[in-house]
Amino acid sequence: MSNIVPVGQPSSASLGSMLQTERTGPVQLEAASRSVDRVELSSAAQLLSKIAELPDVRQDLVDRVQTEIELGIYETPEKFSTAIDAFIAEF
C-alpha cells in the first residue's frame, strides 16, 4: 500500500494522529460546505430551444393547403382580407 495521498486529503495516519491529539470530547467532523451549481436560461434561450424542436416543414399544413388549392377553395375573401391586413401592418 502506498503512502501517497491526493493533495488536500489527509492520510489515515495523520487523521488518526489529529483525532488522538485533539480529543477532549466527542469527535465531530464538520461536512465541508459546498455551493450548488445552477443554470438559468433567459426567456429568449427558452424560446429558441422550443423553436429548435419544431419540424422544419409542417407537412400536414402543406398537404391541407395544397388540397384546398387543387379543389379551388383556398382563396376565400376572408383569407384575402387577412393577408392584406397583415401586409399593411408590416409597414
N, C-alpha and C. Protein backbone atom coordinates (compact mmCIF):
# COMPACT_ATOMS: atom_id res chain seq x y z
N MET A 1 0.84 -1.17 0.00
CA MET A 1 0.00 0.00 0.00
C MET A 1 0.89 1.24 0.00
N SER A 2 0.52 2.22 -0.78
CA SER A 2 1.32 3.42 -0.94
C SER A 2 0.98 4.45 0.13
N ASN A 3 1.96 5.24 0.53
CA ASN A 3 1.74 6.32 1.50
C ASN A 3 1.41 7.63 0.80
N ILE A 4 1.27 7.60 -0.51
CA ILE A 4 0.97 8.81 -1.26
C ILE A 4 -0.53 9.09 -1.18
N VAL A 5 -0.85 10.31 -0.81
CA VAL A 5 -2.25 10.71 -0.63
C VAL A 5 -2.53 11.89 -1.56
N PRO A 6 -3.68 11.94 -2.20
CA PRO A 6 -4.00 13.09 -3.05
C PRO A 6 -3.92 14.40 -2.27
N VAL A 7 -3.54 15.45 -2.97
CA VAL A 7 -3.41 16.77 -2.35
C VAL A 7 -4.74 17.17 -1.74
N GLY A 8 -4.68 17.72 -0.54
CA GLY A 8 -5.88 18.21 0.13
C GLY A 8 -6.59 17.16 0.95
N GLN A 9 -6.16 15.92 0.91
CA GLN A 9 -6.78 14.86 1.69
C GLN A 9 -5.74 14.33 2.69
N PRO A 10 -6.05 14.35 3.96
CA PRO A 10 -5.10 13.83 4.94
C PRO A 10 -5.01 12.31 4.84
N SER A 11 -3.84 11.80 5.12
CA SER A 11 -3.69 10.34 5.14
C SER A 11 -4.38 9.80 6.38
N SER A 12 -4.66 8.51 6.37
CA SER A 12 -5.33 7.92 7.52
C SER A 12 -4.46 8.02 8.77
N ALA A 13 -3.13 7.96 8.60
CA ALA A 13 -2.23 8.07 9.76
C ALA A 13 -2.28 9.48 10.34
N SER A 14 -2.25 10.51 9.48
CA SER A 14 -2.27 11.87 10.01
C SER A 14 -3.64 12.21 10.57
N LEU A 15 -4.74 11.68 9.98
CA LEU A 15 -6.07 11.92 10.51
C LEU A 15 -6.20 11.29 11.88
N GLY A 16 -5.68 10.07 12.02
CA GLY A 16 -5.74 9.39 13.32
C GLY A 16 -4.95 10.14 14.37
N SER A 17 -3.77 10.67 13.99
CA SER A 17 -2.99 11.40 14.97
C SER A 17 -3.66 12.72 15.33
N MET A 18 -4.35 13.36 14.37
CA MET A 18 -5.05 14.61 14.69
C MET A 18 -6.18 14.34 15.66
N LEU A 19 -6.90 13.23 15.45
CA LEU A 19 -8.01 12.92 16.34
C LEU A 19 -7.52 12.56 17.73
N GLN A 20 -6.38 11.88 17.81
CA GLN A 20 -5.85 11.49 19.11
C GLN A 20 -5.33 12.69 19.88
N THR A 21 -4.69 13.62 19.22
CA THR A 21 -4.12 14.75 19.94
C THR A 21 -5.16 15.80 20.29
N GLU A 22 -6.26 15.86 19.56
CA GLU A 22 -7.26 16.88 19.82
C GLU A 22 -8.46 16.35 20.57
N ARG A 23 -8.43 15.14 21.06
CA ARG A 23 -9.59 14.57 21.74
C ARG A 23 -9.74 15.16 23.12
N THR A 24 -10.76 15.98 23.24
CA THR A 24 -11.11 16.50 24.55
C THR A 24 -12.56 16.19 24.83
N GLY A 25 -13.27 15.76 23.83
CA GLY A 25 -14.69 15.43 23.95
C GLY A 25 -15.05 14.56 22.75
N PRO A 26 -16.33 14.49 22.46
CA PRO A 26 -16.75 13.69 21.31
C PRO A 26 -16.16 14.25 20.01
N VAL A 27 -15.77 13.35 19.15
CA VAL A 27 -15.18 13.76 17.88
C VAL A 27 -16.30 14.16 16.93
N GLN A 28 -16.19 15.39 16.40
CA GLN A 28 -17.19 15.87 15.46
C GLN A 28 -16.46 16.38 14.22
N LEU A 29 -16.75 15.77 13.12
CA LEU A 29 -16.18 16.22 11.86
C LEU A 29 -17.28 16.97 11.11
N GLU A 30 -16.99 18.22 10.75
CA GLU A 30 -17.98 19.01 10.04
C GLU A 30 -17.86 18.75 8.54
N ALA A 31 -18.99 18.61 7.91
CA ALA A 31 -19.01 18.41 6.46
C ALA A 31 -18.65 19.72 5.78
N ALA A 32 -17.88 19.61 4.75
CA ALA A 32 -17.48 20.81 4.01
C ALA A 32 -18.72 21.40 3.34
N SER A 33 -18.86 22.69 3.42
CA SER A 33 -19.97 23.39 2.78
C SER A 33 -19.68 23.50 1.29
N ARG A 34 -20.61 23.02 0.49
CA ARG A 34 -20.41 23.06 -0.95
C ARG A 34 -21.49 23.94 -1.58
N SER A 35 -21.07 24.72 -2.54
CA SER A 35 -22.05 25.52 -3.25
C SER A 35 -22.77 24.65 -4.26
N VAL A 36 -23.95 25.06 -4.63
CA VAL A 36 -24.77 24.32 -5.57
C VAL A 36 -24.73 25.04 -6.91
N ASP A 37 -24.45 24.30 -7.97
CA ASP A 37 -24.45 24.89 -9.30
C ASP A 37 -25.88 25.06 -9.79
N ARG A 38 -26.13 26.19 -10.47
CA ARG A 38 -27.45 26.44 -11.04
C ARG A 38 -27.28 26.96 -12.46
N VAL A 39 -28.27 26.70 -13.25
CA VAL A 39 -28.29 27.22 -14.62
C VAL A 39 -29.60 27.97 -14.79
N GLU A 40 -29.50 29.21 -15.25
CA GLU A 40 -30.69 29.99 -15.53
C GLU A 40 -30.70 30.34 -17.01
N LEU A 41 -31.79 30.00 -17.69
CA LEU A 41 -31.90 30.27 -19.11
C LEU A 41 -32.81 31.47 -19.32
N SER A 42 -32.38 32.38 -20.16
CA SER A 42 -33.19 33.55 -20.45
C SER A 42 -34.44 33.11 -21.21
N SER A 43 -35.44 33.98 -21.25
CA SER A 43 -36.66 33.64 -21.97
C SER A 43 -36.36 33.49 -23.46
N ALA A 44 -35.41 34.26 -23.97
CA ALA A 44 -35.03 34.13 -25.38
C ALA A 44 -34.42 32.76 -25.64
N ALA A 45 -33.57 32.29 -24.74
CA ALA A 45 -32.96 30.97 -24.90
C ALA A 45 -34.01 29.87 -24.82
N GLN A 46 -35.00 30.04 -23.94
CA GLN A 46 -36.06 29.05 -23.83
C GLN A 46 -36.89 29.02 -25.11
N LEU A 47 -37.17 30.20 -25.68
CA LEU A 47 -37.93 30.27 -26.93
C LEU A 47 -37.16 29.62 -28.07
N LEU A 48 -35.86 29.91 -28.15
CA LEU A 48 -35.04 29.31 -29.20
C LEU A 48 -35.00 27.79 -29.07
N SER A 49 -34.99 27.31 -27.84
CA SER A 49 -34.99 25.87 -27.62
C SER A 49 -36.29 25.24 -28.14
N LYS A 50 -37.42 25.91 -27.89
CA LYS A 50 -38.70 25.41 -28.38
C LYS A 50 -38.75 25.45 -29.91
N ILE A 51 -38.23 26.53 -30.49
CA ILE A 51 -38.22 26.65 -31.95
C ILE A 51 -37.36 25.55 -32.57
N ALA A 52 -36.24 25.25 -31.93
CA ALA A 52 -35.35 24.21 -32.46
C ALA A 52 -36.02 22.84 -32.48
N GLU A 53 -37.01 22.64 -31.62
CA GLU A 53 -37.70 21.35 -31.55
C GLU A 53 -38.79 21.21 -32.63
N LEU A 54 -39.17 22.33 -33.27
CA LEU A 54 -40.20 22.28 -34.30
C LEU A 54 -39.67 21.58 -35.55
N PRO A 55 -40.55 20.89 -36.26
CA PRO A 55 -40.10 20.28 -37.51
C PRO A 55 -39.80 21.36 -38.54
N ASP A 56 -38.91 21.06 -39.47
CA ASP A 56 -38.55 22.03 -40.50
C ASP A 56 -39.73 22.38 -41.39
N VAL A 57 -40.56 21.41 -41.70
CA VAL A 57 -41.72 21.61 -42.56
C VAL A 57 -42.94 21.05 -41.86
N ARG A 58 -43.98 21.87 -41.81
CA ARG A 58 -45.25 21.37 -41.25
C ARG A 58 -46.00 20.70 -42.38
N GLN A 59 -45.67 19.46 -42.60
CA GLN A 59 -46.19 18.72 -43.75
C GLN A 59 -47.71 18.66 -43.74
N ASP A 60 -48.32 18.55 -42.56
CA ASP A 60 -49.77 18.48 -42.50
C ASP A 60 -50.41 19.76 -43.05
N LEU A 61 -49.83 20.90 -42.74
CA LEU A 61 -50.34 22.17 -43.26
C LEU A 61 -50.12 22.28 -44.76
N VAL A 62 -48.94 21.89 -45.21
CA VAL A 62 -48.64 21.93 -46.64
C VAL A 62 -49.63 21.06 -47.41
N ASP A 63 -49.89 19.87 -46.93
CA ASP A 63 -50.81 18.96 -47.59
C ASP A 63 -52.23 19.53 -47.62
N ARG A 64 -52.67 20.11 -46.50
CA ARG A 64 -54.03 20.67 -46.44
C ARG A 64 -54.19 21.83 -47.41
N VAL A 65 -53.23 22.75 -47.41
CA VAL A 65 -53.31 23.91 -48.30
C VAL A 65 -53.23 23.46 -49.76
N GLN A 66 -52.38 22.51 -50.06
CA GLN A 66 -52.26 22.02 -51.43
C GLN A 66 -53.59 21.42 -51.90
N THR A 67 -54.23 20.66 -51.03
CA THR A 67 -55.53 20.07 -51.37
C THR A 67 -56.58 21.16 -51.58
N GLU A 68 -56.60 22.18 -50.71
CA GLU A 68 -57.56 23.27 -50.84
C GLU A 68 -57.34 24.04 -52.14
N ILE A 69 -56.09 24.24 -52.52
CA ILE A 69 -55.79 24.94 -53.78
C ILE A 69 -56.29 24.11 -54.96
N GLU A 70 -56.03 22.80 -54.93
CA GLU A 70 -56.47 21.91 -56.02
C GLU A 70 -58.00 21.90 -56.14
N LEU A 71 -58.69 22.00 -55.00
CA LEU A 71 -60.15 21.99 -55.02
C LEU A 71 -60.74 23.37 -55.30
N GLY A 72 -59.89 24.40 -55.30
CA GLY A 72 -60.35 25.76 -55.57
C GLY A 72 -61.05 26.42 -54.40
N ILE A 73 -60.82 25.93 -53.19
CA ILE A 73 -61.49 26.51 -52.01
C ILE A 73 -60.53 27.26 -51.10
N TYR A 74 -59.26 27.36 -51.50
CA TYR A 74 -58.28 28.02 -50.63
C TYR A 74 -58.45 29.53 -50.66
N GLU A 75 -58.67 30.10 -51.81
CA GLU A 75 -58.73 31.55 -51.95
C GLU A 75 -60.13 32.05 -51.61
N THR A 76 -60.32 32.42 -50.35
CA THR A 76 -61.60 32.96 -49.91
C THR A 76 -61.44 34.45 -49.64
N PRO A 77 -62.52 35.22 -49.69
CA PRO A 77 -62.43 36.66 -49.38
C PRO A 77 -61.85 36.93 -47.99
N GLU A 78 -62.17 36.09 -47.04
CA GLU A 78 -61.65 36.28 -45.68
C GLU A 78 -60.12 36.12 -45.65
N LYS A 79 -59.62 35.17 -46.39
CA LYS A 79 -58.17 34.95 -46.43
C LYS A 79 -57.47 36.10 -47.14
N PHE A 80 -58.09 36.64 -48.21
CA PHE A 80 -57.51 37.80 -48.86
C PHE A 80 -57.47 38.98 -47.91
N SER A 81 -58.55 39.20 -47.18
CA SER A 81 -58.63 40.31 -46.24
C SER A 81 -57.58 40.17 -45.14
N THR A 82 -57.43 38.97 -44.61
CA THR A 82 -56.42 38.71 -43.57
C THR A 82 -55.02 38.95 -44.10
N ALA A 83 -54.76 38.50 -45.32
CA ALA A 83 -53.44 38.69 -45.92
C ALA A 83 -53.14 40.17 -46.16
N ILE A 84 -54.14 40.90 -46.64
CA ILE A 84 -53.96 42.34 -46.90
C ILE A 84 -53.72 43.07 -45.58
N ASP A 85 -54.50 42.75 -44.54
CA ASP A 85 -54.32 43.39 -43.24
C ASP A 85 -52.92 43.11 -42.67
N ALA A 86 -52.46 41.87 -42.80
CA ALA A 86 -51.12 41.52 -42.31
C ALA A 86 -50.04 42.25 -43.10
N PHE A 87 -50.25 42.39 -44.40
CA PHE A 87 -49.29 43.09 -45.25
C PHE A 87 -49.22 44.58 -44.86
N ILE A 88 -50.36 45.19 -44.66
CA ILE A 88 -50.41 46.62 -44.28
C ILE A 88 -49.80 46.82 -42.89
N ALA A 89 -50.00 45.88 -41.97
CA ALA A 89 -49.48 46.01 -40.61
C ALA A 89 -47.96 45.98 -40.57
N GLU A 90 -47.34 45.39 -41.59
CA GLU A 90 -45.88 45.33 -41.63
C GLU A 90 -45.26 46.69 -41.91
N PHE A 91 -46.01 47.60 -42.50
CA PHE A 91 -45.47 48.91 -42.87
C PHE A 91 -45.99 49.99 -42.02
